[in-house]
PDB file of N, CA and C in Angstrom:
ATOM      1  N   MET A   1      81.959  83.628  92.368  1.00  0.00           N
ATOM      2  CA  MET A   1      80.937  83.344  93.322  1.00  0.00           C
ATOM      3  C   MET A   1      81.314  83.832  94.737  1.00  0.00           C
ATOM      4  N   GLU A   2      80.483  84.480  95.381  1.00  0.00           N
ATOM      5  CA  GLU A   2      80.840  84.840  96.799  1.00  0.00           C
ATOM      6  C   GLU A   2      80.861  83.834  97.708  1.00  0.00           C
ATOM      7  N   VAL A   3      81.894  83.603  98.471  1.00  0.00           N
ATOM      8  CA  VAL A   3      81.905  82.557  99.383  1.00  0.00           C
ATOM      9  C   VAL A   3      81.729  82.986 100.787  1.00  0.00           C
ATOM     10  N   LEU A   4      82.244  84.082 101.259  1.00  0.00           N
ATOM     11  CA  LEU A   4      82.138  84.772 102.544  1.00  0.00           C
ATOM     12  C   LEU A   4      82.053  86.256 102.508  1.00  0.00           C
ATOM     13  N   ARG A   5      81.432  86.797 103.386  1.00  0.00           N
ATOM     14  CA  ARG A   5      81.311  88.259 103.591  1.00  0.00           C
ATOM     15  C   ARG A   5      81.645  88.481 105.066  1.00  0.00           C
ATOM     16  N   VAL A   6      82.807  89.125 105.323  1.00  0.00           N
ATOM     17  CA  VAL A   6      83.189  89.268 106.701  1.00  0.00           C
ATOM     18  C   VAL A   6      82.894  90.786 106.974  1.00  0.00           C
ATOM     19  N   TYR A   7      82.223  91.008 108.215  1.00  0.00           N
ATOM     20  CA  TYR A   7      81.776  92.364 108.677  1.00  0.00           C
ATOM     21  C   TYR A   7      82.715  92.719 109.782  1.00  0.00           C
ATOM     22  N   VAL A   8      83.709  93.737 109.456  1.00  0.00           N
ATOM     23  CA  VAL A   8      84.786  93.936 110.356  1.00  0.00           C
ATOM     24  C   VAL A   8      84.496  95.099 111.144  1.00  0.00           C
ATOM     25  N   ASN A   9      84.882  95.132 112.407  1.00  0.00           N
ATOM     26  CA  ASN A   9      84.799  96.353 113.269  1.00  0.00           C
ATOM     27  C   ASN A   9      86.137  96.450 113.961  1.00  0.00           C
ATOM     28  N   VAL A  10      86.832  97.454 113.517  1.00  0.00           N
ATOM     29  CA  VAL A  10      88.177  97.736 113.977  1.00  0.00           C
ATOM     30  C   VAL A  10      88.116  98.281 115.361  1.00  0.00           C
ATOM     31  N   THR A  11      88.897  97.740 116.414  1.00  0.00           N
ATOM     32  CA  THR A  11      88.623  98.126 117.659  1.00  0.00           C
ATOM     33  C   THR A  11      89.843  98.849 118.323  1.00  0.00           C
ATOM     34  N   GLY A  12      90.844  99.174 117.484  1.00  0.00           N
ATOM     35  CA  GLY A  12      91.992  99.950 118.008  1.00  0.00           C
ATOM     36  C   GLY A  12      93.050 100.074 116.948  1.00  0.00           C
ATOM     37  N   CYS A  13      94.131 100.891 117.347  1.00  0.00           N
ATOM     38  CA  CYS A  13      95.239 100.970 116.292  1.00  0.00           C
ATOM     39  C   CYS A  13      96.418 101.143 117.159  1.00  0.00           C
ATOM     40  N   HIS A  14      97.507 100.371 116.826  1.00  0.00           N
ATOM     41  CA  HIS A  14      98.856 100.526 117.531  1.00  0.00           C
ATOM     42  C   HIS A  14      99.688 100.814 116.341  1.00  0.00           C
ATOM     43  N   GLU A  15     100.503 101.829 116.504  1.00  0.00           N
ATOM     44  CA  GLU A  15     101.361 102.335 115.426  1.00  0.00           C
ATOM     45  C   GLU A  15     102.775 102.670 115.910  1.00  0.00           C
ATOM     46  N   VAL A  16     103.712 102.273 114.884  1.00  0.00           N
ATOM     47  CA  VAL A  16     105.124 102.638 115.059  1.00  0.00           C
ATOM     48  C   VAL A  16     105.608 103.298 113.751  1.00  0.00           C
ATOM     49  N   VAL A  17     106.150 104.612 113.897  1.00  0.00           N
ATOM     50  CA  VAL A  17     106.654 105.338 112.704  1.00  0.00           C
ATOM     51  C   VAL A  17     108.116 105.267 112.806  1.00  0.00           C
ATOM     52  N   SER A  18     108.744 104.699 111.847  1.00  0.00           N
ATOM     53  CA  SER A  18     110.223 104.546 111.932  1.00  0.00           C
ATOM     54  C   SER A  18     110.809 104.964 110.603  1.00  0.00           C
ATOM     55  N   GLY A  19     111.301 106.141 110.388  1.00  0.00           N
ATOM     56  CA  GLY A  19     111.947 106.633 109.175  1.00  0.00           C
ATOM     57  C   GLY A  19     110.957 106.599 108.054  1.00  0.00           C
ATOM     58  N   GLU A  20     111.337 105.725 107.135  1.00  0.00           N
ATOM     59  CA  GLU A  20     110.438 105.608 105.871  1.00  0.00           C
ATOM     60  C   GLU A  20     109.243 104.676 105.994  1.00  0.00           C
ATOM     61  N   ARG A  21     109.139 103.972 107.178  1.00  0.00           N
ATOM     62  CA  ARG A  21     108.008 103.040 107.254  1.00  0.00           C
ATOM     63  C   ARG A  21     107.082 103.318 108.565  1.00  0.00           C
ATOM     64  N   THR A  22     105.839 102.926 108.290  1.00  0.00           N
ATOM     65  CA  THR A  22     104.979 103.102 109.358  1.00  0.00           C
ATOM     66  C   THR A  22     104.221 101.703 109.441  1.00  0.00           C
ATOM     67  N   ILE A  23     104.244 101.230 110.732  1.00  0.00           N
ATOM     68  CA  ILE A  23     103.604  99.839 110.985  1.00  0.00           C
ATOM     69  C   ILE A  23     102.491 100.036 111.764  1.00  0.00           C
ATOM     70  N   ARG A  24     101.263  99.509 111.389  1.00  0.00           N
ATOM     71  CA  ARG A  24     100.070  99.681 112.094  1.00  0.00           C
ATOM     72  C   ARG A  24      99.545  98.164 112.437  1.00  0.00           C
ATOM     73  N   MET A  25      99.112  97.981 113.615  1.00  0.00           N
ATOM     74  CA  MET A  25      98.428  96.741 114.092  1.00  0.00           C
ATOM     75  C   MET A  25      97.026  97.183 114.417  1.00  0.00           C
ATOM     76  N   LEU A  26      96.018  96.672 113.664  1.00  0.00           N
ATOM     77  CA  LEU A  26      94.591  97.060 113.871  1.00  0.00           C
ATOM     78  C   LEU A  26      93.862  95.766 114.375  1.00  0.00           C
ATOM     79  N   PRO A  27      93.683  95.730 115.685  1.00  0.00           N
ATOM     80  CA  PRO A  27      92.855  94.601 116.182  1.00  0.00           C
ATOM     81  C   PRO A  27      91.339  94.842 115.744  1.00  0.00           C
ATOM     82  N   PHE A  28      90.720  93.631 115.556  1.00  0.00           N
ATOM     83  CA  PHE A  28      89.269  93.841 115.040  1.00  0.00           C
ATOM     84  C   PHE A  28      88.492  92.660 115.671  1.00  0.00           C
ATOM     85  N   GLU A  29      87.117  92.922 115.483  1.00  0.00           N
ATOM     86  CA  GLU A  29      86.170  91.676 115.833  1.00  0.00           C
ATOM     87  C   GLU A  29      85.143  91.908 114.605  1.00  0.00           C
ATOM     88  N   GLY A  30      84.077  91.046 114.737  1.00  0.00           N
ATOM     89  CA  GLY A  30      83.140  91.013 113.741  1.00  0.00           C
ATOM     90  C   GLY A  30      82.483  89.721 113.565  1.00  0.00           C
ATOM     91  N   THR A  31      81.708  89.745 112.429  1.00  0.00           N
ATOM     92  CA  THR A  31      80.904  88.530 112.084  1.00  0.00           C
ATOM     93  C   THR A  31      81.225  88.093 110.660  1.00  0.00           C
ATOM     94  N   CYS A  32      80.661  86.905 110.317  1.00  0.00           N
ATOM     95  CA  CYS A  32      80.838  86.428 108.894  1.00  0.00           C
ATOM     96  C   CYS A  32      79.474  85.849 108.445  1.00  0.00           C
ATOM     97  N   ASP A  33      79.187  85.892 107.207  1.00  0.00           N
ATOM     98  CA  ASP A  33      77.949  85.319 106.711  1.00  0.00           C
ATOM     99  C   ASP A  33      78.224  85.070 105.287  1.00  0.00           C
ATOM    100  N   GLY A  34      77.644  84.025 104.781  1.00  0.00           N
ATOM    101  CA  GLY A  34      77.693  83.538 103.489  1.00  0.00           C
ATOM    102  C   GLY A  34      76.908  82.224 103.181  1.00  0.00           C
ATOM    103  N   PRO A  35      76.839  81.725 101.985  1.00  0.00           N
ATOM    104  CA  PRO A  35      76.052  80.568 101.723  1.00  0.00           C
ATOM    105  C   PRO A  35      76.623  79.302 102.261  1.00  0.00           C
ATOM    106  N   PHE A  36      77.894  79.311 102.615  1.00  0.00           N
ATOM    107  CA  PHE A  36      78.465  78.141 103.151  1.00  0.00           C
ATOM    108  C   PHE A  36      78.846  78.089 104.672  1.00  0.00           C
ATOM    109  N   PHE A  37      78.901  79.250 105.236  1.00  0.00           N
ATOM    110  CA  PHE A  37      79.410  79.526 106.561  1.00  0.00           C
ATOM    111  C   PHE A  37      78.885  80.666 107.272  1.00  0.00           C
ATOM    112  N   LYS A  38      78.504  80.615 108.559  1.00  0.00           N
ATOM    113  CA  LYS A  38      78.057  81.801 109.305  1.00  0.00           C
ATOM    114  C   LYS A  38      78.841  81.658 110.569  1.00  0.00           C
ATOM    115  N   GLY A  39      79.367  82.884 111.079  1.00  0.00           N
ATOM    116  CA  GLY A  39      80.006  82.832 112.431  1.00  0.00           C
ATOM    117  C   GLY A  39      80.516  84.215 112.861  1.00  0.00           C
ATOM    118  N   LYS A  40      81.362  84.106 114.115  1.00  0.00           N
ATOM    119  CA  LYS A  40      81.784  85.260 114.799  1.00  0.00           C
ATOM    120  C   LYS A  40      83.254  85.171 114.755  1.00  0.00           C
ATOM    121  N   ILE A  41      83.832  86.258 114.572  1.00  0.00           N
ATOM    122  CA  ILE A  41      85.470  86.369 114.743  1.00  0.00           C
ATOM    123  C   ILE A  41      85.788  86.172 116.216  1.00  0.00           C
ATOM    124  N   LEU A  42      86.779  85.337 116.490  1.00  0.00           N
ATOM    125  CA  LEU A  42      87.276  85.120 117.827  1.00  0.00           C
ATOM    126  C   LEU A  42      88.156  86.192 118.171  1.00  0.00           C
ATOM    127  N   SER A  43      88.378  86.437 119.448  1.00  0.00           N
ATOM    128  CA  SER A  43      89.439  87.461 119.869  1.00  0.00           C
ATOM    129  C   SER A  43      90.659  87.190 119.398  1.00  0.00           C
ATOM    130  N   GLY A  44      91.502  88.171 119.079  1.00  0.00           N
ATOM    131  CA  GLY A  44      92.918  88.095 118.531  1.00  0.00           C
ATOM    132  C   GLY A  44      93.030  88.273 117.211  1.00  0.00           C
ATOM    133  N   GLY A  45      91.926  88.671 116.359  1.00  0.00           N
ATOM    134  CA  GLY A  45      92.022  88.914 114.983  1.00  0.00           C
ATOM    135  C   GLY A  45      92.802  90.275 114.878  1.00  0.00           C
ATOM    136  N   VAL A  46      93.875  90.408 114.018  1.00  0.00           N
ATOM    137  CA  VAL A  46      94.594  91.654 113.796  1.00  0.00           C
ATOM    138  C   VAL A  46      94.955  91.809 112.274  1.00  0.00           C
ATOM    139  N   ASP A  47      94.994  93.000 111.850  1.00  0.00           N
ATOM    140  CA  ASP A  47      95.454  93.312 110.492  1.00  0.00           C
ATOM    141  C   ASP A  47      96.807  94.162 110.709  1.00  0.00           C
ATOM    142  N   THR A  48      97.935  93.544 110.248  1.00  0.00           N
ATOM    143  CA  THR A  48      99.175  94.272 110.355  1.00  0.00           C
ATOM    144  C   THR A  48      99.540  94.971 108.935  1.00  0.00           C
ATOM    145  N   GLN A  49      99.598  96.291 109.038  1.00  0.00           N
ATOM    146  CA  GLN A  49      99.876  97.015 107.849  1.00  0.00           C
ATOM    147  C   GLN A  49     101.251  97.647 107.807  1.00  0.00           C
ATOM    148  N   LYS A  50     101.983  97.566 106.688  1.00  0.00           N
ATOM    149  CA  LYS A  50     103.265  98.018 106.622  1.00  0.00           C
ATOM    150  C   LYS A  50     103.238  99.064 105.506  1.00  0.00           C
ATOM    151  N   GLY A  51     103.305 100.452 105.842  1.00  0.00           N
ATOM    152  CA  GLY A  51     103.248 101.380 104.841  1.00  0.00           C
ATOM    153  C   GLY A  51     104.588 102.200 104.680  1.00  0.00           C
ATOM    154  N   TYR A  52     104.913 102.531 103.379  1.00  0.00           N
ATOM    155  CA  TYR A  52     106.075 103.193 103.071  1.00  0.00           C
ATOM    156  C   TYR A  52     105.849 104.691 102.557  1.00  0.00           C
ATOM    157  N   ALA A  53     106.870 105.326 102.732  1.00  0.00           N
ATOM    158  CA  ALA A  53     106.711 106.937 102.383  1.00  0.00           C
ATOM    159  C   ALA A  53     106.141 107.176 100.973  1.00  0.00           C
ATOM    160  N   ASP A  54     106.408 106.274 100.025  1.00  0.00           N
ATOM    161  CA  ASP A  54     105.919 106.507  98.698  1.00  0.00           C
ATOM    162  C   ASP A  54     104.524 106.127  98.486  1.00  0.00           C
ATOM    163  N   GLY A  55     103.939 105.761  99.644  1.00  0.00           N
ATOM    164  CA  GLY A  55     102.484 105.427  99.526  1.00  0.00           C
ATOM    165  C   GLY A  55     102.160 103.991  99.301  1.00  0.00           C
ATOM    166  N   THR A  56     103.165 103.142  98.972  1.00  0.00           N
ATOM    167  CA  THR A  56     102.934 101.625  98.699  1.00  0.00           C
ATOM    168  C   THR A  56     102.944 101.015 100.231  1.00  0.00           C
ATOM    169  N   GLY A  57     102.458  99.684 100.150  1.00  0.00           N
ATOM    170  CA  GLY A  57     102.525  99.030 101.514  1.00  0.00           C
ATOM    171  C   GLY A  57     101.774  97.648 101.343  1.00  0.00           C
ATOM    172  N   THR A  58     101.867  96.900 102.379  1.00  0.00           N
ATOM    173  CA  THR A  58     101.213  95.637 102.466  1.00  0.00           C
ATOM    174  C   THR A  58     100.378  95.467 103.636  1.00  0.00           C
ATOM    175  N   LEU A  59      99.410  94.582 103.644  1.00  0.00           N
ATOM    176  CA  LEU A  59      98.561  94.240 104.737  1.00  0.00           C
ATOM    177  C   LEU A  59      98.549  92.694 104.890  1.00  0.00           C
ATOM    178  N   SER A  60      98.399  92.351 106.076  1.00  0.00           N
ATOM    179  CA  SER A  60      98.221  90.796 106.433  1.00  0.00           C
ATOM    180  C   SER A  60      97.363  90.709 107.578  1.00  0.00           C
ATOM    181  N   ALA A  61      96.026  90.290 107.449  1.00  0.00           N
ATOM    182  CA  ALA A  61      95.101  90.162 108.368  1.00  0.00           C
ATOM    183  C   ALA A  61      95.044  88.583 108.709  1.00  0.00           C
ATOM    184  N   ARG A  62      95.136  88.216 109.939  1.00  0.00           N
ATOM    185  CA  ARG A  62      94.870  86.786 110.366  1.00  0.00           C
ATOM    186  C   ARG A  62      93.821  86.702 111.533  1.00  0.00           C
ATOM    187  N   TYR A  63      92.954  85.687 111.342  1.00  0.00           N
ATOM    188  CA  TYR A  63      91.866  85.719 112.303  1.00  0.00           C
ATOM    189  C   TYR A  63      91.184  84.308 112.182  1.00  0.00           C
ATOM    190  N   MET A  64      90.557  84.005 113.326  1.00  0.00           N
ATOM    191  CA  MET A  64      89.739  82.725 113.354  1.00  0.00           C
ATOM    192  C   MET A  64      88.245  83.162 113.528  1.00  0.00           C
ATOM    193  N   ILE A  65      87.391  82.365 112.937  1.00  0.00           N
ATOM    194  CA  ILE A  65      85.993  82.600 112.994  1.00  0.00           C
ATOM    195  C   ILE A  65      85.366  81.170 113.437  1.00  0.00           C
ATOM    196  N   GLU A  66      84.514  81.310 114.440  1.00  0.00           N
ATOM    197  CA  GLU A  66      83.792  80.120 114.939  1.00  0.00           C
ATOM    198  C   GLU A  66      82.296  80.279 114.438  1.00  0.00           C
ATOM    199  N   GLY A  67      81.722  79.238 114.012  1.00  0.00           N
ATOM    200  CA  GLY A  67      80.251  79.231 113.615  1.00  0.00           C
ATOM    201  C   GLY A  67      79.845  77.949 113.069  1.00  0.00           C
ATOM    202  N   THR A  68      78.922  77.945 112.080  1.00  0.00           N
ATOM    203  CA  THR A  68      78.360  76.645 111.558  1.00  0.00           C
ATOM    204  C   THR A  68      78.535  76.687 110.086  1.00  0.00           C
ATOM    205  N   ASP A  69      78.776  75.447 109.436  1.00  0.00           N
ATOM    206  CA  ASP A  69      78.885  75.395 108.097  1.00  0.00           C
ATOM    207  C   ASP A  69      77.481  75.164 107.435  1.00  0.00           C
ATOM    208  N   CYS A  70      77.473  74.966 106.138  1.00  0.00           N
ATOM    209  CA  CYS A  70      76.196  74.924 105.389  1.00  0.00           C
ATOM    210  C   CYS A  70      75.349  73.700 105.761  1.00  0.00           C
ATOM    211  N   GLU A  71      75.920  72.643 106.495  1.00  0.00           N
ATOM    212  CA  GLU A  71      75.121  71.541 106.915  1.00  0.00           C
ATOM    213  C   GLU A  71      74.690  71.702 108.391  1.00  0.00           C
ATOM    214  N   GLY A  72      74.978  72.814 108.940  1.00  0.00           N
ATOM    215  CA  GLY A  72      74.683  73.075 110.384  1.00  0.00           C
ATOM    216  C   GLY A  72      75.516  72.591 111.451  1.00  0.00           C
ATOM    217  N   ASN A  73      76.748  72.102 111.007  1.00  0.00           N
ATOM    218  CA  ASN A  73      77.831  71.642 111.928  1.00  0.00           C
ATOM    219  C   ASN A  73      78.688  72.737 112.461  1.00  0.00           C
ATOM    220  N   SER A  74      79.030  72.692 113.720  1.00  0.00           N
ATOM    221  CA  SER A  74      79.838  73.758 114.451  1.00  0.00           C
ATOM    222  C   SER A  74      81.189  73.416 113.773  1.00  0.00           C
ATOM    223  N   CYS A  75      81.970  74.464 113.527  1.00  0.00           N
ATOM    224  CA  CYS A  75      83.317  74.414 112.955  1.00  0.00           C
ATOM    225  C   CYS A  75      83.939  75.692 113.162  1.00  0.00           C
ATOM    226  N   LYS A  76      85.273  75.857 112.825  1.00  0.00           N
ATOM    227  CA  LYS A  76      85.971  77.015 112.838  1.00  0.00           C
ATOM    228  C   LYS A  76      86.852  77.168 111.330  1.00  0.00           C
ATOM    229  N   LEU A  77      87.028  78.474 111.063  1.00  0.00           N
ATOM    230  CA  LEU A  77      87.792  78.785 109.885  1.00  0.00           C
ATOM    231  C   LEU A  77      89.052  79.727 110.451  1.00  0.00           C
ATOM    232  N   PHE A  78      90.244  79.441 109.885  1.00  0.00           N
ATOM    233  CA  PHE A  78      91.240  80.300 109.984  1.00  0.00           C
ATOM    234  C   PHE A  78      91.550  80.913 108.743  1.00  0.00           C
ATOM    235  N   ILE A  79      91.624  82.308 108.750  1.00  0.00           N
ATOM    236  CA  ILE A  79      91.819  82.998 107.625  1.00  0.00           C
ATOM    237  C   ILE A  79      93.029  83.938 107.697  1.00  0.00           C
ATOM    238  N   GLU A  80      93.816  83.858 106.627  1.00  0.00           N
ATOM    239  CA  GLU A  80      94.971  84.783 106.478  1.00  0.00           C
ATOM    240  C   GLU A  80      94.731  85.370 105.054  1.00  0.00           C
ATOM    241  N   ASN A  81      94.734  86.708 105.162  1.00  0.00           N
ATOM    242  CA  ASN A  81      94.450  87.645 104.065  1.00  0.00           C
ATOM    243  C   ASN A  81      95.413  88.649 103.812  1.00  0.00           C
ATOM    244  N   ASN A  82      96.299  88.510 102.585  1.00  0.00           N
ATOM    245  CA  ASN A  82      97.327  89.313 102.273  1.00  0.00           C
ATOM    246  C   ASN A  82      97.115  90.114 101.071  1.00  0.00           C
ATOM    247  N   ALA A  83      97.661  91.348 101.048  1.00  0.00           N
ATOM    248  CA  ALA A  83      97.491  92.168  99.860  1.00  0.00           C
ATOM    249  C   ALA A  83      98.545  93.285  99.844  1.00  0.00           C
ATOM    250  N   GLU A  84      98.740  93.905  98.659  1.00  0.00           N
ATOM    251  CA  GLU A  84      99.470  95.042  98.513  1.00  0.00           C
ATOM    252  C   GLU A  84      98.355  96.102  98.602  1.00  0.00           C
ATOM    253  N   PHE A  85      98.757  97.433  99.068  1.00  0.00           N
ATOM    254  CA  PHE A  85      97.666  98.349  99.224  1.00  0.00           C
ATOM    255  C   PHE A  85      96.961  98.678  97.875  1.00  0.00           C
ATOM    256  N   ASN A  86      95.707  98.954  97.872  1.00  0.00           N
ATOM    257  CA  ASN A  86      94.909  99.134  96.667  1.00  0.00           C
ATOM    258  C   ASN A  86      94.779  98.065  95.625  1.00  0.00           C
ATOM    259  N   SER A  87      94.840  96.770  96.221  1.00  0.00           N
ATOM    260  CA  SER A  87      94.668  95.784  95.230  1.00  0.00           C
ATOM    261  C   SER A  87      93.778  94.661  95.963  1.00  0.00           C
ATOM    262  N   TYR A  88      93.477  93.602  95.128  1.00  0.00           N
ATOM    263  CA  TYR A  88      92.716  92.530  95.646  1.00  0.00           C
ATOM    264  C   TYR A  88      93.559  91.854  96.771  1.00  0.00           C
ATOM    265  N   THR A  89      92.857  91.187  97.666  1.00  0.00           N
ATOM    266  CA  THR A  89      93.546  90.467  98.709  1.00  0.00           C
ATOM    267  C   THR A  89      93.663  88.941  98.219  1.00  0.00           C
ATOM    268  N   VAL A  90      94.644  88.322  98.815  1.00  0.00           N
ATOM    269  CA  VAL A  90      94.920  86.851  98.462  1.00  0.00           C
ATOM    270  C   VAL A  90      94.540  86.089  99.968  1.00  0.00           C
ATOM    271  N   PRO A  91      93.283  85.530  99.887  1.00  0.00           N
ATOM    272  CA  PRO A  91      92.992  84.871 101.314  1.00  0.00           C
ATOM    273  C   PRO A  91      93.439  83.390 101.103  1.00  0.00           C
ATOM    274  N   THR A  92      93.893  82.919 102.363  1.00  0.00           N
ATOM    275  CA  THR A  92      94.122  81.518 102.610  1.00  0.00           C
ATOM    276  C   THR A  92      93.169  81.056 103.687  1.00  0.00           C
ATOM    277  N   ILE A  93      92.560  79.972 103.498  1.00  0.00           N
ATOM    278  CA  ILE A  93      91.528  79.446 104.524  1.00  0.00           C
ATOM    279  C   ILE A  93      91.913  78.043 104.916  1.00  0.00           C
ATOM    280  N   LEU A  94      91.832  77.825 106.187  1.00  0.00           N
ATOM    281  CA  LEU A  94      91.966  76.480 106.691  1.00  0.00           C
ATOM    282  C   LEU A  94      90.692  76.268 107.534  1.00  0.00           C
ATOM    283  N   THR A  95      90.123  74.948 107.695  1.00  0.00           N
ATOM    284  CA  THR A  95      88.926  74.601 108.421  1.00  0.00           C
ATOM    285  C   THR A  95      89.064  73.298 108.891  1.00  0.00           C
ATOM    286  N   ASP A  96      88.215  73.081 109.998  1.00  0.00           N
ATOM    287  CA  ASP A  96      88.000  71.642 110.510  1.00  0.00           C
ATOM    288  C   ASP A  96      86.733  71.093 110.099  1.00  0.00           C
ATOM    289  N   SER A  97      85.970  71.819 109.194  1.00  0.00           N
ATOM    290  CA  SER A  97      84.891  71.318 108.556  1.00  0.00           C
ATOM    291  C   SER A  97      84.962  70.447 107.269  1.00  0.00           C
ATOM    292  N   PRO A  98      84.615  69.087 107.453  1.00  0.00           N
ATOM    293  CA  PRO A  98      84.878  68.354 106.233  1.00  0.00           C
ATOM    294  C   PRO A  98      84.215  68.928 104.974  1.00  0.00           C
ATOM    295  N   VAL A  99      82.899  69.420 105.170  1.00  0.00           N
ATOM    296  CA  VAL A  99      82.142  69.912 103.990  1.00  0.00           C
ATOM    297  C   VAL A  99      82.746  71.221 103.391  1.00  0.00           C
ATOM    298  N   LEU A 100      83.615  71.947 104.014  1.00  0.00           N
ATOM    299  CA  LEU A 100      84.260  73.113 103.690  1.00  0.00           C
ATOM    300  C   LEU A 100      85.787  73.021 103.319  1.00  0.00           C
ATOM    301  N   LYS A 101      86.329  71.750 103.371  1.00  0.00           N
ATOM    302  CA  LYS A 101      87.613  71.532 103.096  1.00  0.00           C
ATOM    303  C   LYS A 101      88.089  72.053 101.546  1.00  0.00           C
ATOM    304  N   TRP A 102      87.152  72.232 100.702  1.00  0.00           N
ATOM    305  CA  TRP A 102      87.364  72.622  99.378  1.00  0.00           C
ATOM    306  C   TRP A 102      87.846  74.039  99.326  1.00  0.00           C
ATOM    307  N   LEU A 103      87.602  74.800 100.565  1.00  0.00           N
ATOM    308  CA  LEU A 103      88.074  76.197 100.519  1.00  0.00           C
ATOM    309  C   LEU A 103      89.602  76.239 100.812  1.00  0.00           C
ATOM    310  N   GLU A 104      90.231  75.136 101.178  1.00  0.00           N
ATOM    311  CA  GLU A 104      91.540  75.147 101.360  1.00  0.00           C
ATOM    312  C   GLU A 104      92.411  75.192 100.175  1.00  0.00           C
ATOM    313  N   THR A 105      91.765  74.648  99.150  1.00  0.00           N
ATOM    314  CA  THR A 105      92.494  74.572  97.679  1.00  0.00           C
ATOM    315  C   THR A 105      91.817  75.501  96.770  1.00  0.00           C
ATOM    316  N   ALA A 106      90.743  76.213  97.071  1.00  0.00           N
ATOM    317  CA  ALA A 106      90.101  76.981  95.997  1.00  0.00           C
ATOM    318  C   ALA A 106      90.774  78.196  95.629  1.00  0.00           C
ATOM    319  N   ASN A 107      90.685  78.713  94.517  1.00  0.00           N
ATOM    320  CA  ASN A 107      91.433  79.789  94.030  1.00  0.00           C
ATOM    321  C   ASN A 107      90.566  80.993  94.402  1.00  0.00           C
ATOM    322  N   LEU A 108      90.919  81.726  95.438  1.00  0.00           N
ATOM    323  CA  LEU A 108      90.126  82.926  96.052  1.00  0.00           C
ATOM    324  C   LEU A 108      90.920  84.173  95.952  1.00  0.00           C
ATOM    325  N   GLN A 109      89.913  85.153  95.933  1.00  0.00           N
ATOM    326  CA  GLN A 109      90.391  86.620  96.118  1.00  0.00           C
ATOM    327  C   GLN A 109      89.420  87.329  96.944  1.00  0.00           C
ATOM    328  N   GLY A 110      90.001  88.380  97.527  1.00  0.00           N
ATOM    329  CA  GLY A 110      89.073  89.132  98.385  1.00  0.00           C
ATOM    330  C   GLY A 110      89.153  90.676  97.969  1.00  0.00           C
ATOM    331  N   ARG A 111      88.055  91.278  98.278  1.00  0.00           N
ATOM    332  CA  ARG A 111      88.069  92.815  98.028  1.00  0.00           C
ATOM    333  C   ARG A 111      87.342  93.389  99.233  1.00  0.00           C
ATOM    334  N   LEU A 112      87.881  94.698  99.376  1.00  0.00           N
ATOM    335  CA  LEU A 112      87.247  95.370 100.426  1.00  0.00           C
ATOM    336  C   LEU A 112      86.098  96.317  99.991  1.00  0.00           C
ATOM    337  N   GLU A 113      85.137  96.423 100.706  1.00  0.00           N
ATOM    338  CA  GLU A 113      83.888  97.307 100.541  1.00  0.00           C
ATOM    339  C   GLU A 113      83.716  98.120 101.692  1.00  0.00           C
ATOM    340  N   PHE A 114      83.108  99.309 101.507  1.00  0.00           N
ATOM    341  CA  PHE A 114      82.951 100.300 102.701  1.00  0.00           C
ATOM    342  C   PHE A 114      81.574 100.796 102.642  1.00  0.00           C
ATOM    343  N   PRO A 115      80.503  99.887 102.796  1.00  0.00           N
ATOM    344  CA  PRO A 115      79.035 100.404 102.905  1.00  0.00           C
ATOM    345  C   PRO A 115      78.911 101.271 104.119  1.00  0.00           C
ATOM    346  N   ASP A 116      78.396 102.333 103.942  1.00  0.00           N
ATOM    347  CA  ASP A 116      78.188 103.289 105.292  1.00  0.00           C
ATOM    348  C   ASP A 116      79.277 103.431 106.005  1.00  0.00           C
ATOM    349  N   GLY A 117      80.485 103.429 105.502  1.00  0.00           N
ATOM    350  CA  GLY A 117      81.728 103.758 106.185  1.00  0.00           C
ATOM    351  C   GLY A 117      82.321 102.525 107.070  1.00  0.00           C
ATOM    352  N   LYS A 118      81.622 101.460 106.832  1.00  0.00           N
ATOM    353  CA  LYS A 118      82.037 100.211 107.618  1.00  0.00           C
ATOM    354  C   LYS A 118      82.769  99.294 106.674  1.00  0.00           C
ATOM    355  N   LEU A 119      83.729  98.511 107.249  1.00  0.00           N
ATOM    356  CA  LEU A 119      84.484  97.615 106.388  1.00  0.00           C
ATOM    357  C   LEU A 119      84.036  96.219 106.273  1.00  0.00           C
ATOM    358  N   ASN A 120      83.689  95.795 105.011  1.00  0.00           N
ATOM    359  CA  ASN A 120      83.331  94.445 104.681  1.00  0.00           C
ATOM    360  C   ASN A 120      84.454  93.850 103.959  1.00  0.00           C
ATOM    361  N   ILE A 121      84.760  92.553 104.109  1.00  0.00           N
ATOM    362  CA  ILE A 121      85.744  91.859 103.226  1.00  0.00           C
ATOM    363  C   ILE A 121      84.961  90.830 102.555  1.00  0.00           C
ATOM    364  N   VAL A 122      84.851  90.876 101.295  1.00  0.00           N
ATOM    365  CA  VAL A 122      84.108  89.915 100.428  1.00  0.00           C
ATOM    366  C   VAL A 122      85.198  88.902  99.803  1.00  0.00           C
ATOM    367  N   ILE A 123      85.025  87.664 100.146  1.00  0.00           N
ATOM    368  CA  ILE A 123      85.986  86.630  99.550  1.00  0.00           C
ATOM    369  C   ILE A 123      85.138  85.765  98.538  1.00  0.00           C
ATOM    370  N   GLU A 124      85.707  85.690  97.328  1.00  0.00           N
ATOM    371  CA  GLU A 124      85.150  85.045  96.220  1.00  0.00           C
ATOM    372  C   GLU A 124      85.970  84.142  95.643  1.00  0.00           C
ATOM    373  N   THR A 125      85.371  83.184  94.893  1.00  0.00           N
ATOM    374  CA  THR A 125      86.186  82.195  94.098  1.00  0.00           C
ATOM    375  C   THR A 125      86.393  82.883  92.768  1.00  0.00           C
ATOM    376  N   ILE A 126      87.454  82.581  92.101  1.00  0.00           N
ATOM    377  CA  ILE A 126      87.789  83.140  90.842  1.00  0.00           C
ATOM    378  C   ILE A 126      88.221  82.140  89.777  1.00  0.00           C
ATOM    379  N   GLU A 127      88.015  82.286  88.629  1.00  0.00           N
ATOM    380  CA  GLU A 127      88.407  81.194  87.562  1.00  0.00           C
ATOM    381  C   GLU A 127      89.881  81.331  87.459  1.00  0.00           C
ATOM    382  N   GLY A 128      90.379  80.064  87.147  1.00  0.00           N
ATOM    383  CA  GLY A 128      91.840  80.150  86.806  1.00  0.00           C
ATOM    384  C   GLY A 128      92.510  78.869  87.048  1.00  0.00           C
TER     385      GLY A 128
END
């Protein structure tokens, strides 16, 4: 079941190339929509990517979203989304919304979509 869809707009790229590794920090902004929450990414969201010469690597995105839960209450979500390159992401969500507390213990996975060349992160519940 789809929980959240995050519409990401990357606003820059900071990079260090050091021997066999490349580190990129990609600040971003955007919005979020879904059946349980709608909101806007607060300033400071960043995806840190570590790439290796063999093409493998990891990413770790951390961001806060301010918006409203499915009952219309103002709230925030903190999301940390980790993955190895070319795989599903593993999102962790914390919230101050009592109605969304179930997200903190839900079995979640994320996937990246690129409609029209733009990045969407789709967070879904998975069985298990």
